[in-house]
Amino acid sequence: MRQSFSLICLALLILIAAAGQGPLGLMDGPQAPPYSKPQWLDRSIAGTVVLELDADENSGGASSPLIWNYAAPLRVAVTGRLDGGVLEWNTPVGQFVLASGDAELDLDARDLPFKRALGISPFKNTASVLFPSSGDYSLSLRQGGGSVVMRIEGGRWGWLGTDQRGRDVAALLIRGVRI
């Protein structure tokens, strides 16, 4: 019985390795914070969430809603470009203008210029200010166009979590089986 289970597991690993990382949605490189727990292990910790907005100047804007029922995330980053628009972050207790005008965005909650633009002390955790409580949040693009991605990193990622560099352990395992 034990040998047949081992053979089934080995055959399954070989099939997964033959399929490769692409069909399974596994990627190389850092994708999440170091030592993230697996998605299935602890539901009280937020997973990594990606909000995307894409609007042209004639569309009147775009919005991406989010329901957040966790503590403040580990990290928040905003990338993309604005074409004359205003990028807003709406929280249950207030609103923040993250950027406006024509701009290339590469904002990270750990950066001092981003904290200064939001009116936050350099010593304060920006993620805790942007996520003050549980509730409904939204990322909105008004009065213009652009393409924006907001990455909210929680403490869970993937099937087996992440290693010390934030790489997906499942992807590393499958790559190792192929070798």
Protein backbone atom coordinates (compact mmCIF):
# COMPACT_ATOMS: atom_id res chain seq x y z
CA MET A 1 0.00 0.00 0.00
CA ARG A 2 2.77 2.43 0.98
CA GLN A 3 4.78 1.64 -2.18
CA SER A 4 1.81 2.19 -4.46
CA PHE A 5 1.10 5.57 -2.83
CA SER A 6 4.74 6.54 -3.34
CA LEU A 7 4.58 5.51 -7.00
CA ILE A 8 1.38 7.51 -7.51
CA CYS A 9 3.01 10.59 -5.94
CA LEU A 10 6.12 10.14 -8.09
CA ALA A 11 4.03 9.78 -11.25
CA LEU A 12 2.06 12.90 -10.32
CA LEU A 13 5.27 14.90 -9.78
CA ILE A 14 6.62 13.73 -13.13
CA LEU A 15 3.39 14.78 -14.90
CA ILE A 16 3.45 18.20 -13.23
CA ALA A 17 7.12 18.65 -14.14
CA ALA A 18 6.42 17.67 -17.74
CA ALA A 19 3.59 20.22 -17.94
CA GLY A 20 5.97 22.94 -16.77
CA GLN A 21 5.29 26.06 -14.77
CA GLY A 22 3.24 27.97 -17.36
CA PRO A 23 0.00 25.93 -17.37
CA LEU A 24 0.02 25.84 -13.57
CA GLY A 25 0.34 29.61 -13.20
CA LEU A 26 3.72 29.34 -11.46
CA MET A 27 6.32 32.05 -12.12
CA ASP A 28 10.03 32.50 -11.58
CA GLY A 29 11.42 35.29 -9.44
CA PRO A 30 10.05 36.99 -6.34
CA GLN A 31 6.26 37.31 -6.32
CA ALA A 32 5.38 37.80 -2.66
CA PRO A 33 6.95 38.73 0.67
CA PRO A 34 9.58 36.33 2.04
CA TYR A 35 8.33 33.39 4.09
CA SER A 36 4.68 33.80 3.06
CA LYS A 37 2.40 31.01 4.21
CA PRO A 38 0.58 28.82 1.63
CA GLN A 39 -2.84 30.06 0.47
CA TRP A 40 -4.65 27.13 2.06
CA LEU A 41 -2.95 27.26 5.47
CA ASP A 42 -4.15 30.36 7.32
CA ARG A 43 -7.28 32.17 6.12
CA SER A 44 -6.95 34.86 8.82
CA ILE A 45 -4.00 36.36 6.90
CA ALA A 46 -4.64 38.24 3.65
CA GLY A 47 -3.34 36.87 0.38
CA THR A 48 -1.64 39.02 -2.24
CA VAL A 49 -4.18 41.08 -4.21
CA VAL A 50 -3.62 42.87 -7.51
CA LEU A 51 -6.01 45.65 -8.61
CA GLU A 52 -5.79 46.76 -12.26
CA LEU A 53 -7.27 49.85 -13.89
CA ASP A 54 -7.15 50.58 -17.59
CA ALA A 55 -9.04 53.53 -19.06
CA ASP A 56 -8.67 55.87 -22.01
CA GLU A 57 -9.21 59.63 -21.75
CA ASN A 58 -12.72 59.44 -23.24
CA SER A 59 -14.07 56.71 -20.94
CA GLY A 60 -14.55 58.99 -17.93
CA GLY A 61 -12.44 56.84 -15.64
CA ALA A 62 -12.43 53.42 -14.04
CA SER A 63 -12.78 51.91 -10.60
CA SER A 64 -11.71 48.66 -8.98
CA PRO A 65 -13.47 47.72 -5.71
CA LEU A 66 -11.97 45.66 -2.90
CA ILE A 67 -13.48 44.26 0.29
CA TRP A 68 -10.74 44.06 2.96
CA ASN A 69 -11.36 42.08 6.17
CA TYR A 70 -7.80 41.74 7.42
CA ALA A 71 -5.13 43.70 9.25
CA ALA A 72 -3.03 46.15 7.22
CA PRO A 73 -1.05 44.45 4.45
CA LEU A 74 2.71 44.02 4.50
CA ARG A 75 3.36 46.22 1.48
CA VAL A 76 1.50 48.35 -1.09
CA ALA A 77 2.93 49.33 -4.49
CA VAL A 78 1.41 51.23 -7.43
CA THR A 79 2.88 51.11 -10.95
CA GLY A 80 1.73 52.25 -14.38
CA ARG A 81 1.01 55.53 -16.10
CA LEU A 82 -1.51 58.37 -15.88
CA ASP A 83 -2.65 60.43 -18.86
CA GLY A 84 -4.08 63.54 -17.26
CA GLY A 85 -6.13 61.70 -14.68
CA VAL A 86 -6.43 61.57 -10.92
CA LEU A 87 -5.71 58.32 -9.10
CA GLU A 88 -7.64 57.99 -5.83
CA TRP A 89 -7.66 55.44 -3.03
CA ASN A 90 -11.02 55.39 -1.24
CA THR A 91 -11.14 53.91 2.28
CA PRO A 92 -14.03 53.50 4.74
CA VAL A 93 -12.77 56.55 6.68
CA GLY A 94 -11.45 58.84 3.95
CA GLN A 95 -9.86 59.34 0.57
CA PHE A 96 -6.27 59.74 -0.66
CA VAL A 97 -5.07 61.18 -3.96
CA LEU A 98 -2.17 58.91 -4.90
CA ALA A 99 -1.16 60.75 -8.08
CA SER A 100 -2.48 63.17 -10.69
CA GLY A 101 -1.64 64.64 -14.09
CA ASP A 102 0.59 63.01 -16.67
CA ALA A 103 2.94 60.70 -14.82
CA GLU A 104 4.77 57.41 -14.87
CA LEU A 105 3.96 55.69 -11.58
CA ASP A 106 6.35 53.66 -9.48
CA LEU A 107 5.05 54.24 -5.95
CA ASP A 108 5.96 52.07 -3.00
CA ALA A 109 4.50 52.51 0.48
CA ARG A 110 8.04 52.36 1.91
CA ASP A 111 9.31 55.35 -0.11
CA LEU A 112 9.67 58.69 1.67
CA PRO A 113 8.47 60.83 -1.28
CA PHE A 114 5.27 58.78 -1.44
CA LYS A 115 4.72 59.20 2.32
CA ARG A 116 5.39 62.93 2.03
CA ALA A 117 2.92 63.28 -0.87
CA LEU A 118 0.23 61.59 1.24
CA GLY A 119 1.02 63.76 4.27
CA ILE A 120 2.21 60.81 6.35
CA SER A 121 5.07 60.88 8.83
CA PRO A 122 8.24 59.17 7.53
CA PHE A 123 8.18 56.89 10.57
CA LYS A 124 4.59 55.71 10.11
CA ASN A 125 3.61 52.55 8.27
CA THR A 126 1.90 53.73 5.06
CA ALA A 127 -0.01 50.47 4.61
CA SER A 128 -1.67 50.92 8.00
CA VAL A 129 -2.78 54.44 6.98
CA LEU A 130 -4.10 53.26 3.60
CA PHE A 131 -5.89 50.32 5.30
CA PRO A 132 -7.21 51.77 8.59
CA SER A 133 -9.94 49.17 9.14
CA SER A 134 -12.00 46.42 7.57
CA GLY A 135 -14.47 47.47 4.92
CA ASP A 136 -14.97 48.53 1.33
CA TYR A 137 -12.05 50.08 -0.54
CA SER A 138 -11.64 51.14 -4.14
CA LEU A 139 -8.94 52.35 -6.50
CA SER A 140 -10.38 54.95 -8.88
CA LEU A 141 -9.07 56.73 -11.95
CA ARG A 142 -10.97 59.96 -12.73
CA GLN A 143 -10.83 62.70 -15.35
CA GLY A 144 -8.45 61.07 -17.76
CA GLY A 145 -6.89 57.84 -18.82
CA GLY A 146 -4.09 55.54 -17.95
CA SER A 147 -3.12 52.06 -16.97
CA VAL A 148 -2.46 51.40 -13.27
CA VAL A 149 -1.67 48.29 -11.23
CA MET A 150 -1.88 48.32 -7.42
CA ARG A 151 -0.22 45.36 -5.70
CA ILE A 152 -1.26 44.69 -2.09
CA GLU A 153 0.98 42.06 -0.54
CA GLY A 154 -0.44 39.94 2.23
CA GLY A 155 1.18 37.09 4.09
CA ARG A 156 -0.09 34.16 1.99
CA TRP A 157 1.01 33.05 -1.47
CA GLY A 158 0.86 29.96 -3.68
CA TRP A 159 0.50 26.25 -2.97
CA LEU A 160 3.55 25.89 -0.72
CA GLY A 161 4.31 29.48 0.29
CA THR A 162 7.50 31.40 -0.50
CA ASP A 163 11.16 31.11 0.42
CA GLN A 164 13.50 33.72 1.94
CA ARG A 165 13.56 35.67 -1.36
CA GLY A 166 9.79 35.65 -1.96
CA ARG A 167 9.97 32.98 -4.68
CA ASP A 168 7.16 30.45 -5.04
CA VAL A 169 8.29 27.18 -3.40
CA ALA A 170 5.96 25.10 -5.65
CA ALA A 171 7.63 26.56 -8.77
CA LEU A 172 11.07 25.78 -7.32
CA LEU A 173 9.99 22.21 -6.50
CA ILE A 174 8.66 21.61 -10.01
CA ARG A 175 11.79 23.08 -11.57
CA GLY A 176 13.89 20.78 -9.35
CA VAL A 177 11.85 17.69 -10.32
CA ARG A 178 12.43 18.46 -13.99
CA ILE A 179 16.19 18.44 -13.43
